[in-house]
Protein backbone atom coordinates (compact mmCIF):
# COMPACT_ATOMS: atom_id res chain seq x y z
CA UNK A 1 -24.60 26.99 -20.80
CA UNK A 2 -21.56 28.98 -19.64
CA UNK A 3 -18.66 27.04 -18.16
CA UNK A 4 -18.60 27.25 -14.38
CA UNK A 5 -15.49 28.93 -13.01
CA UNK A 6 -13.31 26.69 -10.85
CA UNK A 7 -12.33 27.72 -7.28
CA UNK A 8 -8.70 27.96 -8.46
CA UNK A 9 -9.64 30.35 -11.27
CA UNK A 10 -11.70 32.46 -8.87
CA UNK A 11 -8.85 32.65 -6.35
CA UNK A 12 -6.39 33.51 -9.11
CA UNK A 13 -8.59 36.38 -10.30
CA UNK A 14 -8.95 37.79 -6.79
CA UNK A 15 -5.19 37.53 -6.22
CA UNK A 16 -4.45 39.25 -9.51
CA UNK A 17 -6.66 42.25 -8.75
CA UNK A 18 -5.40 42.59 -5.18
CA UNK A 19 -1.78 42.68 -6.34
CA UNK A 20 -2.69 44.99 -9.22
CA UNK A 21 -4.33 47.61 -7.02
CA UNK A 22 -1.53 47.42 -4.44
CA UNK A 23 1.03 48.01 -7.20
CA UNK A 24 -1.09 50.77 -8.73
CA UNK A 25 -1.38 52.63 -5.43
CA UNK A 26 2.38 52.41 -4.91
CA UNK A 27 3.39 53.52 -8.43
CA UNK A 28 0.35 55.42 -9.80
CA UNK A 29 1.42 54.04 -13.19
CA UNK A 30 -0.94 51.48 -14.75
CA UNK A 31 1.73 49.96 -17.00
CA UNK A 32 4.17 49.45 -14.14
CA UNK A 33 1.32 48.03 -12.05
CA UNK A 34 0.41 45.49 -14.76
CA UNK A 35 4.02 44.38 -15.29
CA UNK A 36 4.66 44.19 -11.56
CA UNK A 37 1.47 42.18 -11.01
CA UNK A 38 2.43 39.60 -13.62
CA UNK A 39 5.97 39.44 -12.21
CA UNK A 40 4.56 38.54 -8.79
CA UNK A 41 1.54 36.42 -9.71
CA UNK A 42 2.96 34.25 -12.53
CA UNK A 43 5.78 32.66 -10.46
CA UNK A 44 3.24 31.88 -7.71
CA UNK A 45 0.89 30.26 -10.23
CA UNK A 46 3.72 28.27 -11.83
CA UNK A 47 4.87 27.01 -8.42
CA UNK A 48 1.33 26.01 -7.49
CA UNK A 49 0.82 24.14 -10.78
CA UNK A 50 4.08 22.23 -10.28
CA UNK A 51 2.96 21.35 -6.75
CA UNK A 52 -0.36 20.01 -8.08
CA UNK A 53 1.45 17.90 -10.68
CA UNK A 54 3.75 16.52 -7.98
CA UNK A 55 0.78 15.63 -5.77
CA UNK A 56 -1.03 14.06 -8.71
CA UNK A 57 2.04 12.01 -9.60
CA UNK A 58 2.33 10.69 -6.05
CA UNK A 59 -1.37 9.85 -6.05
CA UNK A 60 -1.20 7.85 -9.28
CA UNK A 61 1.99 6.07 -8.20
CA UNK A 62 0.23 4.90 -5.03
CA UNK A 63 -2.91 4.02 -6.98
CA UNK A 64 -0.97 1.93 -9.49
CA UNK A 65 0.92 0.14 -6.71
CA UNK A 66 -2.32 -0.67 -4.91
CA UNK A 67 -3.84 -2.02 -8.14
CA UNK A 68 -0.83 -4.31 -8.58
CA UNK A 69 -1.28 -5.62 -5.04
CA UNK A 70 -4.99 -6.17 -5.67
CA UNK A 71 -4.06 -8.33 -8.66
CA UNK A 72 -2.40 -10.86 -6.33
CA UNK A 73 -4.27 -13.96 -5.26
CA UNK A 74 -5.35 -14.09 -1.58
CA UNK A 75 -2.45 -16.44 -0.79
CA UNK A 76 0.01 -14.22 -2.63
CA UNK A 77 -1.35 -11.23 -0.73
CA UNK A 78 -0.67 -12.98 2.58
CA UNK A 79 2.87 -13.76 1.36
CA UNK A 80 3.27 -10.12 0.40
CA UNK A 81 2.17 -8.89 3.84
CA UNK A 82 4.63 -11.28 5.51
CA UNK A 83 7.38 -9.93 3.25
CA UNK A 84 6.31 -6.33 3.98
CA UNK A 85 6.57 -6.82 7.74
CA UNK A 86 9.97 -8.44 7.32
CA UNK A 87 11.10 -5.28 5.54
CA UNK A 88 9.71 -3.29 8.48
CA UNK A 89 11.91 -5.17 10.91
CA UNK A 90 9.77 -8.14 11.98
CA UNK A 91 10.41 -11.84 11.64
CA UNK A 92 7.32 -13.43 10.16
CA UNK A 93 5.53 -16.73 9.86
CA UNK A 94 2.78 -17.45 7.33
CA UNK A 95 -0.12 -19.22 9.01
CA UNK A 96 -2.93 -18.62 6.53
CA UNK A 97 -4.93 -21.53 5.20
CA UNK A 98 -8.16 -23.46 5.85
CA UNK A 99 -7.21 -24.01 9.51
CA UNK A 100 -5.49 -20.69 10.26
CA UNK A 101 -7.79 -19.88 13.18
CA UNK A 102 -8.37 -16.38 11.85
CA UNK A 103 -4.65 -15.53 11.77
CA UNK A 104 -2.81 -15.23 8.45
CA UNK A 105 0.61 -13.97 9.54
CA UNK A 106 2.49 -13.87 12.83
CA UNK A 107 5.01 -11.01 13.00
CA UNK A 108 7.53 -11.01 15.84
CA UNK A 109 9.66 -8.11 17.05
CA UNK A 110 11.50 -7.71 20.36
CA UNK A 111 10.32 -11.18 21.43
CA UNK A 112 6.66 -10.10 21.13
CA UNK A 113 4.36 -11.82 18.63
CA UNK A 114 1.80 -9.74 16.76
CA UNK A 115 -1.08 -11.23 14.79
CA UNK A 116 -2.23 -10.22 11.33
CA UNK A 117 -5.42 -10.83 9.37
CA UNK A 118 -5.29 -10.13 5.60
CA UNK A 119 -8.27 -9.37 3.36
CA UNK A 120 -7.51 -8.74 -0.30
CA UNK A 121 -10.73 -7.00 -1.28
CA UNK A 122 -11.38 -5.19 -4.55
CA UNK A 123 -14.74 -3.54 -3.82
CA UNK A 124 -15.93 -5.34 -0.69
CA UNK A 125 -15.50 -3.54 2.63
CA UNK A 126 -14.33 -5.25 5.81
CA UNK A 127 -17.46 -5.79 7.89
CA UNK A 128 -17.91 -5.64 11.64
CA UNK A 129 -18.57 -9.39 11.55
CA UNK A 130 -15.10 -10.07 10.14
CA UNK A 131 -13.64 -7.75 12.77
CA UNK A 132 -15.43 -9.57 15.59
CA UNK A 133 -14.25 -12.95 14.30
CA UNK A 134 -10.64 -11.77 14.15
CA UNK A 135 -10.77 -10.23 17.62
CA UNK A 136 -12.26 -13.43 18.98
CA UNK A 137 -9.37 -15.40 17.49
CA UNK A 138 -6.63 -13.22 19.00
CA UNK A 139 -8.10 -11.68 22.15
CA UNK A 140 -6.38 -14.19 24.47
CA UNK A 141 -3.01 -13.56 22.77
CA UNK A 142 -2.87 -9.77 23.13
CA UNK A 143 -1.64 -9.17 26.67
CA UNK A 144 1.46 -7.33 25.35
CA UNK A 145 0.98 -7.72 21.61
CA UNK A 146 -0.96 -5.94 18.90
CA UNK A 147 -3.24 -7.24 16.18
CA UNK A 148 -3.26 -5.88 12.64
CA UNK A 149 -6.22 -6.13 10.27
CA UNK A 150 -5.02 -5.32 6.76
CA UNK A 151 -7.15 -4.84 3.66
CA UNK A 152 -6.60 -3.49 0.17
CA UNK A 153 -9.94 -1.68 0.41
CA UNK A 154 -11.63 0.01 3.42
CA UNK A 155 -13.43 -0.82 6.67
CA UNK A 156 -17.08 -0.17 7.36
CA UNK A 157 -17.88 2.46 9.98
CA UNK A 158 -19.22 -0.29 12.27
CA UNK A 159 -15.94 -2.23 11.97
CA UNK A 160 -13.93 0.90 12.81
CA UNK A 161 -16.10 1.60 15.86
CA UNK A 162 -15.76 -2.00 17.04
CA UNK A 163 -11.94 -1.74 16.90
CA UNK A 164 -11.88 1.47 18.97
CA UNK A 165 -10.21 0.96 22.33
CA UNK A 166 -8.91 -2.48 21.34
CA UNK A 167 -5.29 -3.40 20.50
CA UNK A 168 -6.17 -3.74 16.82
CA UNK A 169 -4.57 -1.50 14.22
CA UNK A 170 -6.67 -1.09 11.10
CA UNK A 171 -4.68 -0.75 7.88
CA UNK A 172 -6.75 0.11 4.81
CA UNK A 173 -5.50 0.53 1.24
CA UNK A 174 -4.23 4.07 1.85
CA UNK A 175 -2.31 3.16 5.00
CA UNK A 176 -0.98 0.05 3.28
CA UNK A 177 0.57 2.27 0.62
CA UNK A 178 2.26 4.31 3.35
CA UNK A 179 3.79 1.12 4.78
CA UNK A 180 4.90 -0.02 1.32
CA UNK A 181 6.62 3.33 0.78
CA UNK A 182 8.23 3.16 4.23
CA UNK A 183 9.53 -0.36 3.58
CA UNK A 184 11.06 0.49 0.20
CA UNK A 185 9.44 -2.51 -1.48
CA UNK A 186 9.17 -2.30 -5.26
CA UNK A 187 5.96 -4.08 -6.23
CA UNK A 188 6.32 -6.07 -9.45
CA UNK A 189 4.13 -5.22 -12.43
CA UNK A 190 0.71 -6.81 -12.40
CA UNK A 191 1.32 -8.04 -15.96
CA UNK A 192 3.84 -10.59 -14.64
CA UNK A 193 3.60 -14.09 -16.19
CA UNK A 194 0.90 -16.35 -14.81
CA UNK A 195 2.23 -18.72 -12.18
CA UNK A 196 2.86 -22.21 -13.52
CA UNK A 197 5.61 -24.74 -13.81
CA UNK A 198 8.10 -22.67 -15.82
CA UNK A 199 10.99 -21.26 -13.76
CA UNK A 200 11.23 -18.27 -16.11
CA UNK A 201 8.34 -16.60 -14.32
CA UNK A 202 9.05 -13.50 -12.25
CA UNK A 203 8.92 -12.85 -8.51
CA UNK A 204 5.79 -10.81 -7.67
CA UNK A 205 7.66 -8.99 -4.89
CA UNK A 206 10.74 -7.67 -6.68
CA UNK A 207 10.44 -8.75 -10.34
CA UNK A 208 13.54 -10.99 -10.34
CA UNK A 209 13.51 -14.47 -11.89
CA UNK A 210 12.25 -17.42 -9.87
CA UNK A 211 14.56 -20.44 -9.63
CA UNK A 212 13.91 -24.06 -8.74
CA UNK A 213 15.16 -25.04 -5.29
CA UNK A 214 14.85 -27.96 -2.87
CA UNK A 215 14.03 -27.53 0.81
CA UNK A 216 16.91 -28.75 2.99
CA UNK A 217 15.28 -28.50 6.41
CA UNK A 218 11.94 -28.34 8.13
CA UNK A 219 8.78 -30.33 7.46
CA UNK A 220 9.16 -29.85 3.69
CA UNK A 221 12.69 -31.29 3.46
CA UNK A 222 13.28 -32.76 0.02
CA UNK A 223 10.35 -30.94 -1.60
CA UNK A 224 10.93 -28.63 -4.54
CA UNK A 225 9.78 -25.02 -4.59
CA UNK A 226 10.35 -21.83 -6.55
CA UNK A 227 12.42 -19.21 -4.75
CA UNK A 228 13.47 -15.71 -5.72
CA UNK A 229 16.92 -15.39 -7.28
CA UNK A 230 17.41 -12.29 -5.10
CA UNK A 231 17.48 -14.45 -1.95
CA UNK A 232 18.33 -13.59 0.85
CA UNK A 233 17.36 -9.99 0.01
CA UNK A 234 13.99 -11.26 -1.18
CA UNK A 235 12.51 -14.34 0.52
CA UNK A 236 9.53 -14.93 -1.75
CA UNK A 237 8.61 -18.62 -2.08
CA UNK A 238 6.08 -20.25 -4.38
CA UNK A 239 5.20 -23.80 -3.47
CA UNK A 240 4.99 -26.33 -6.30
CA UNK A 241 1.70 -28.14 -6.58
CA UNK A 242 1.40 -31.87 -7.20
CA UNK A 243 0.53 -31.08 -10.82
CA UNK A 244 3.70 -29.03 -11.23
CA UNK A 245 5.81 -31.98 -10.08
CA UNK A 246 4.62 -34.20 -12.93
């Protein structure tokens, strides 16, 4: 079976013959027409190929970054979103947990609190049921604020329709990558060491070394935790479990 010609090859052939006949009519010399055609067409083709490579490079950079984010645990993903919004100019508070009331992160800017739900999905889509639950949890808080529903995958069509006309911004994996690029965050490699008790492990936000610290204020005063050595530029925190303390 003959190989099917690609649209690019077809367009290139049409362009070549158009330029060739234009040159031929102007010069009436077939050799000059051929040389002139190549002189015009080849730079255009080279430029287009470089453009495609640039677009492909950007695509794979975003794809690799999204895969690294998908490798985070759900709790780490919520931490990452809080960090992301800090980089975007918000002050944030992590709420997520068994009793989060449908809100994982509170992001405040200009004295207005915005509410964020995070779903780190690999293949699962955000359903309309999840969207309804989130809206029910924040609807009485949105007089001047906005809600954000963020996922590493996509939303179902029903979920998107439900959010229409409501103060909920849907951020899927593609839009998340746009925010990551805007924030300037460098996502650490997904092959980072597994979290454990060793302080040689790396920060999943910036790749710097984690160091052992002790909380000096708040409800966790006196408790140890792992913090990023890039603090205050990076405010990643990993809590130490009871097992880690022994």
